[in-house]
């Protein structure tokens, strides 16, 4: 299963996570490359490809989704005000979308 096969809500949640990392300034260009695994311009390319994000194993899309959502859901600490500034869904909903993407990605790898 690919990104395009996810429910629209999950797709919207994930793109919000990618845009946060790209636009917020929380991570500078060097940190994006180091922590996300793709260059800033490649992250922009993934975002610009929405909703047709290529997320095959090892692709820039897969790296960007996995690592941006990991940062958003697990590593970066948000105040409620900061979260609401960037996201239209709860942290729980974002985590659930990330988990569904991860589970669907793993399922497609075994086929």
N, C-alpha and C. Protein backbone atom coordinates (compact mmCIF):
# COMPACT_ATOMS: atom_id res chain seq x y z
N UNK A 1 0.85 -1.18 0.00
CA UNK A 1 0.00 0.00 0.00
C UNK A 1 0.89 1.23 0.00
N UNK A 2 0.48 2.24 -0.73
CA UNK A 2 1.28 3.46 -0.83
C UNK A 2 0.55 4.62 -0.16
N UNK A 3 1.23 5.74 -0.11
CA UNK A 3 0.68 6.95 0.48
C UNK A 3 -0.68 7.27 -0.15
N UNK A 4 -0.80 7.12 -1.46
CA UNK A 4 -2.05 7.44 -2.14
C UNK A 4 -3.21 6.56 -1.70
N UNK A 5 -2.91 5.39 -1.15
CA UNK A 5 -3.96 4.47 -0.71
C UNK A 5 -4.48 4.78 0.69
N UNK A 6 -3.80 5.67 1.41
CA UNK A 6 -4.25 6.06 2.75
C UNK A 6 -5.54 6.87 2.67
N UNK A 7 -6.28 6.88 3.75
CA UNK A 7 -7.45 7.74 3.84
C UNK A 7 -7.01 9.20 3.70
N UNK A 8 -7.89 10.03 3.17
CA UNK A 8 -7.58 11.45 2.95
C UNK A 8 -7.17 12.14 4.25
N UNK A 9 -7.80 11.81 5.37
CA UNK A 9 -7.44 12.40 6.65
C UNK A 9 -5.99 12.10 6.99
N UNK A 10 -5.57 10.85 6.81
CA UNK A 10 -4.19 10.49 7.09
C UNK A 10 -3.23 11.24 6.16
N UNK A 11 -3.58 11.34 4.89
CA UNK A 11 -2.75 12.09 3.95
C UNK A 11 -2.60 13.55 4.40
N UNK A 12 -3.71 14.18 4.80
CA UNK A 12 -3.66 15.59 5.23
C UNK A 12 -2.83 15.74 6.51
N UNK A 13 -2.98 14.82 7.42
CA UNK A 13 -2.19 14.89 8.65
C UNK A 13 -0.70 14.77 8.34
N UNK A 14 -0.35 13.83 7.50
CA UNK A 14 1.06 13.61 7.17
C UNK A 14 1.64 14.82 6.45
N UNK A 15 0.91 15.39 5.52
CA UNK A 15 1.45 16.56 4.80
C UNK A 15 1.64 17.73 5.76
N UNK A 16 0.80 17.85 6.76
CA UNK A 16 0.99 18.90 7.76
C UNK A 16 2.30 18.70 8.52
N UNK A 17 2.63 17.45 8.83
CA UNK A 17 3.89 17.16 9.51
C UNK A 17 5.10 17.49 8.64
N UNK A 18 5.01 17.16 7.35
CA UNK A 18 6.10 17.48 6.43
C UNK A 18 6.27 18.99 6.30
N UNK A 19 5.15 19.69 6.16
CA UNK A 19 5.21 21.15 6.02
C UNK A 19 5.75 21.81 7.29
N UNK A 20 5.41 21.27 8.42
CA UNK A 20 5.94 21.84 9.67
C UNK A 20 7.46 21.80 9.66
N UNK A 21 8.03 20.65 9.36
CA UNK A 21 9.48 20.53 9.35
C UNK A 21 10.09 21.46 8.31
N UNK A 22 9.46 21.57 7.16
CA UNK A 22 9.99 22.40 6.07
C UNK A 22 9.87 23.90 6.37
N UNK A 23 8.75 24.32 6.94
CA UNK A 23 8.45 25.75 7.04
C UNK A 23 8.69 26.38 8.40
N UNK A 24 8.71 25.61 9.45
CA UNK A 24 8.69 26.19 10.80
C UNK A 24 10.00 26.84 11.22
N UNK A 25 11.11 26.40 10.65
CA UNK A 25 12.39 26.89 11.11
C UNK A 25 12.89 26.19 12.38
N UNK A 26 12.14 25.22 12.85
CA UNK A 26 12.55 24.46 14.04
C UNK A 26 13.88 23.76 13.78
N UNK A 27 14.05 23.26 12.55
CA UNK A 27 15.30 22.63 12.14
C UNK A 27 15.88 23.44 10.98
N UNK A 28 17.18 23.74 11.05
CA UNK A 28 17.79 24.45 9.93
C UNK A 28 18.12 23.43 8.83
N UNK A 29 18.65 23.93 7.73
CA UNK A 29 18.88 23.07 6.57
C UNK A 29 19.82 21.90 6.89
N UNK A 30 20.86 22.14 7.67
CA UNK A 30 21.79 21.07 8.05
C UNK A 30 21.11 20.04 8.94
N UNK A 31 20.29 20.53 9.87
CA UNK A 31 19.59 19.60 10.77
C UNK A 31 18.55 18.78 10.01
N UNK A 32 17.91 19.38 9.01
CA UNK A 32 16.94 18.62 8.21
C UNK A 32 17.66 17.47 7.51
N UNK A 33 18.78 17.75 6.89
CA UNK A 33 19.54 16.69 6.21
C UNK A 33 19.97 15.61 7.20
N UNK A 34 20.44 16.04 8.36
CA UNK A 34 20.94 15.10 9.36
C UNK A 34 19.81 14.27 9.99
N UNK A 35 18.74 14.92 10.38
CA UNK A 35 17.67 14.25 11.14
C UNK A 35 16.58 13.64 10.26
N UNK A 36 16.34 14.24 9.10
CA UNK A 36 15.28 13.73 8.23
C UNK A 36 15.86 12.80 7.16
N UNK A 37 17.11 13.03 6.78
CA UNK A 37 17.75 12.14 5.82
C UNK A 37 17.62 12.57 4.38
N UNK A 38 17.02 13.73 4.15
CA UNK A 38 16.90 14.29 2.81
C UNK A 38 17.29 15.77 2.86
N UNK A 39 17.74 16.28 1.73
CA UNK A 39 18.07 17.69 1.64
C UNK A 39 16.79 18.51 1.66
N UNK A 40 16.92 19.77 2.02
CA UNK A 40 15.77 20.67 2.08
C UNK A 40 15.03 20.72 0.75
N UNK A 41 15.77 20.80 -0.35
CA UNK A 41 15.13 20.86 -1.67
C UNK A 41 14.39 19.56 -1.98
N UNK A 42 14.90 18.44 -1.50
CA UNK A 42 14.22 17.16 -1.72
C UNK A 42 12.95 17.05 -0.88
N UNK A 43 13.00 17.60 0.33
CA UNK A 43 11.79 17.66 1.16
C UNK A 43 10.74 18.51 0.48
N UNK A 44 11.16 19.63 -0.10
CA UNK A 44 10.22 20.49 -0.85
C UNK A 44 9.61 19.71 -2.01
N UNK A 45 10.42 18.91 -2.69
CA UNK A 45 9.91 18.10 -3.79
C UNK A 45 8.88 17.09 -3.35
N UNK A 46 9.09 16.49 -2.20
CA UNK A 46 8.11 15.53 -1.66
C UNK A 46 6.81 16.26 -1.37
N UNK A 47 6.90 17.41 -0.71
CA UNK A 47 5.70 18.18 -0.37
C UNK A 47 4.98 18.61 -1.64
N UNK A 48 5.73 19.08 -2.62
CA UNK A 48 5.11 19.54 -3.88
C UNK A 48 4.47 18.41 -4.66
N UNK A 49 4.86 17.18 -4.38
CA UNK A 49 4.26 16.03 -5.05
C UNK A 49 2.91 15.62 -4.49
N UNK A 50 2.53 16.19 -3.36
CA UNK A 50 1.26 15.84 -2.70
C UNK A 50 0.10 16.05 -3.65
N UNK A 51 -0.83 15.14 -3.76
CA UNK A 51 -1.03 13.93 -2.95
C UNK A 51 -0.36 12.68 -3.55
N UNK A 52 0.43 12.87 -4.59
CA UNK A 52 1.06 11.72 -5.26
C UNK A 52 2.50 11.55 -4.78
N UNK A 53 2.65 11.31 -3.48
CA UNK A 53 3.97 11.15 -2.89
C UNK A 53 4.46 9.72 -3.10
N UNK A 54 5.63 9.61 -3.70
CA UNK A 54 6.26 8.31 -3.88
C UNK A 54 6.91 7.92 -2.56
N UNK A 55 6.42 6.86 -1.95
CA UNK A 55 6.94 6.46 -0.65
C UNK A 55 7.41 5.01 -0.61
N UNK A 56 7.93 4.55 -1.75
CA UNK A 56 8.52 3.21 -1.78
C UNK A 56 9.73 3.17 -0.85
N UNK A 57 10.02 2.02 -0.32
CA UNK A 57 11.12 1.85 0.62
C UNK A 57 12.40 2.49 0.06
N UNK A 58 13.04 3.33 0.87
CA UNK A 58 14.28 3.98 0.50
C UNK A 58 14.14 5.26 -0.30
N UNK A 59 12.92 5.59 -0.70
CA UNK A 59 12.70 6.81 -1.48
C UNK A 59 12.76 8.04 -0.58
N UNK A 60 12.94 9.22 -1.20
CA UNK A 60 12.91 10.47 -0.43
C UNK A 60 11.57 10.63 0.28
N UNK A 61 10.50 10.21 -0.37
CA UNK A 61 9.17 10.32 0.25
C UNK A 61 9.06 9.48 1.51
N UNK A 62 9.56 8.26 1.44
CA UNK A 62 9.49 7.38 2.62
C UNK A 62 10.35 7.93 3.75
N UNK A 63 11.56 8.38 3.42
CA UNK A 63 12.43 8.97 4.44
C UNK A 63 11.79 10.20 5.06
N UNK A 64 11.26 11.08 4.20
CA UNK A 64 10.66 12.32 4.69
C UNK A 64 9.46 12.04 5.59
N UNK A 65 8.56 11.17 5.14
CA UNK A 65 7.38 10.87 5.96
C UNK A 65 7.79 10.25 7.29
N UNK A 66 8.60 9.21 7.23
CA UNK A 66 8.97 8.53 8.47
C UNK A 66 9.68 9.47 9.44
N UNK A 67 10.66 10.19 8.96
CA UNK A 67 11.49 10.97 9.86
C UNK A 67 10.83 12.29 10.29
N UNK A 68 10.09 12.93 9.40
CA UNK A 68 9.36 14.14 9.81
C UNK A 68 8.30 13.80 10.84
N UNK A 69 7.54 12.74 10.59
CA UNK A 69 6.48 12.39 11.53
C UNK A 69 7.06 11.88 12.84
N UNK A 70 8.19 11.21 12.80
CA UNK A 70 8.84 10.80 14.04
C UNK A 70 9.23 12.04 14.85
N UNK A 71 9.79 13.05 14.20
CA UNK A 71 10.14 14.29 14.89
C UNK A 71 8.90 14.94 15.50
N UNK A 72 7.86 15.08 14.69
CA UNK A 72 6.63 15.76 15.13
C UNK A 72 5.94 14.99 16.25
N UNK A 73 5.87 13.68 16.13
CA UNK A 73 5.12 12.89 17.10
C UNK A 73 5.92 12.53 18.35
N UNK A 74 7.24 12.44 18.23
CA UNK A 74 8.01 11.89 19.34
C UNK A 74 9.13 12.77 19.87
N UNK A 75 9.74 13.57 19.04
CA UNK A 75 10.95 14.27 19.47
C UNK A 75 10.76 15.74 19.80
N UNK A 76 10.03 16.46 18.97
CA UNK A 76 9.85 17.90 19.21
C UNK A 76 8.74 18.09 20.24
N UNK A 77 9.02 18.89 21.23
CA UNK A 77 8.04 19.17 22.28
C UNK A 77 7.30 20.46 21.94
N UNK A 78 5.99 20.38 21.89
CA UNK A 78 5.12 21.50 21.53
C UNK A 78 4.31 21.95 22.73
N UNK A 79 4.13 23.25 22.86
CA UNK A 79 3.09 23.75 23.76
C UNK A 79 1.77 23.58 23.01
N UNK A 80 0.66 23.63 23.71
CA UNK A 80 -0.65 23.51 23.06
C UNK A 80 -0.84 24.62 22.03
N UNK A 81 -0.40 25.81 22.36
CA UNK A 81 -0.52 26.95 21.44
C UNK A 81 0.31 26.72 20.18
N UNK A 82 1.55 26.26 20.33
CA UNK A 82 2.39 25.98 19.17
C UNK A 82 1.79 24.89 18.30
N UNK A 83 1.29 23.83 18.93
CA UNK A 83 0.68 22.73 18.16
C UNK A 83 -0.48 23.28 17.33
N UNK A 84 -1.35 24.04 17.97
CA UNK A 84 -2.52 24.56 17.28
C UNK A 84 -2.18 25.53 16.16
N UNK A 85 -1.02 26.17 16.25
CA UNK A 85 -0.58 27.08 15.19
C UNK A 85 -0.26 26.33 13.91
N UNK A 86 0.24 25.11 14.03
CA UNK A 86 0.71 24.36 12.86
C UNK A 86 -0.21 23.23 12.42
N UNK A 87 -1.00 22.70 13.33
CA UNK A 87 -1.75 21.49 13.02
C UNK A 87 -3.24 21.68 13.27
N UNK A 88 -4.05 21.05 12.44
CA UNK A 88 -5.51 21.14 12.57
C UNK A 88 -6.09 19.91 13.27
N UNK A 89 -5.23 19.00 13.68
CA UNK A 89 -5.66 17.77 14.35
C UNK A 89 -4.91 17.62 15.67
N UNK A 90 -5.39 16.74 16.51
CA UNK A 90 -4.73 16.50 17.79
C UNK A 90 -3.43 15.73 17.58
N UNK A 91 -2.60 15.78 18.60
CA UNK A 91 -1.36 15.00 18.57
C UNK A 91 -1.68 13.51 18.42
N UNK A 92 -2.71 13.05 19.09
CA UNK A 92 -3.12 11.65 19.02
C UNK A 92 -3.50 11.27 17.59
N UNK A 93 -4.27 12.13 16.94
CA UNK A 93 -4.67 11.87 15.56
C UNK A 93 -3.45 11.83 14.63
N UNK A 94 -2.50 12.72 14.87
CA UNK A 94 -1.27 12.73 14.06
C UNK A 94 -0.51 11.43 14.27
N UNK A 95 -0.38 11.00 15.52
CA UNK A 95 0.32 9.74 15.82
C UNK A 95 -0.39 8.56 15.16
N UNK A 96 -1.70 8.55 15.19
CA UNK A 96 -2.46 7.45 14.58
C UNK A 96 -2.24 7.41 13.07
N UNK A 97 -2.22 8.58 12.43
CA UNK A 97 -1.95 8.62 10.99
C UNK A 97 -0.55 8.10 10.68
N UNK A 98 0.42 8.52 11.49
CA UNK A 98 1.80 8.04 11.33
C UNK A 98 1.86 6.52 11.49
N UNK A 99 1.19 6.00 12.51
CA UNK A 99 1.19 4.56 12.74
C UNK A 99 0.55 3.81 11.58
N UNK A 100 -0.55 4.33 11.05
CA UNK A 100 -1.21 3.66 9.92
C UNK A 100 -0.27 3.65 8.70
N UNK A 101 0.40 4.78 8.45
CA UNK A 101 1.33 4.82 7.33
C UNK A 101 2.45 3.79 7.54
N UNK A 102 3.04 3.76 8.74
CA UNK A 102 4.11 2.80 9.00
C UNK A 102 3.63 1.37 8.82
N UNK A 103 2.47 1.06 9.35
CA UNK A 103 1.95 -0.30 9.24
C UNK A 103 1.64 -0.67 7.80
N UNK A 104 1.10 0.27 7.03
CA UNK A 104 0.80 0.01 5.63
C UNK A 104 2.08 -0.13 4.82
N UNK A 105 3.10 0.65 5.15
CA UNK A 105 4.37 0.56 4.46
C UNK A 105 5.02 -0.79 4.70
N UNK A 106 4.96 -1.27 5.93
CA UNK A 106 5.55 -2.57 6.26
C UNK A 106 4.79 -3.69 5.56
N UNK A 107 3.47 -3.56 5.49
CA UNK A 107 2.67 -4.59 4.83
C UNK A 107 3.01 -4.68 3.34
N UNK A 108 3.24 -3.55 2.69
CA UNK A 108 3.54 -3.58 1.27
C UNK A 108 4.96 -4.12 1.00
N UNK A 109 5.86 -4.01 1.97
CA UNK A 109 7.21 -4.53 1.82
C UNK A 109 7.22 -6.06 1.80
N UNK A 110 6.25 -6.68 2.45
CA UNK A 110 6.26 -8.13 2.55
C UNK A 110 5.57 -8.80 1.37
N UNK A 111 5.00 -8.02 0.49
CA UNK A 111 4.31 -8.62 -0.67
C UNK A 111 5.25 -8.90 -1.80
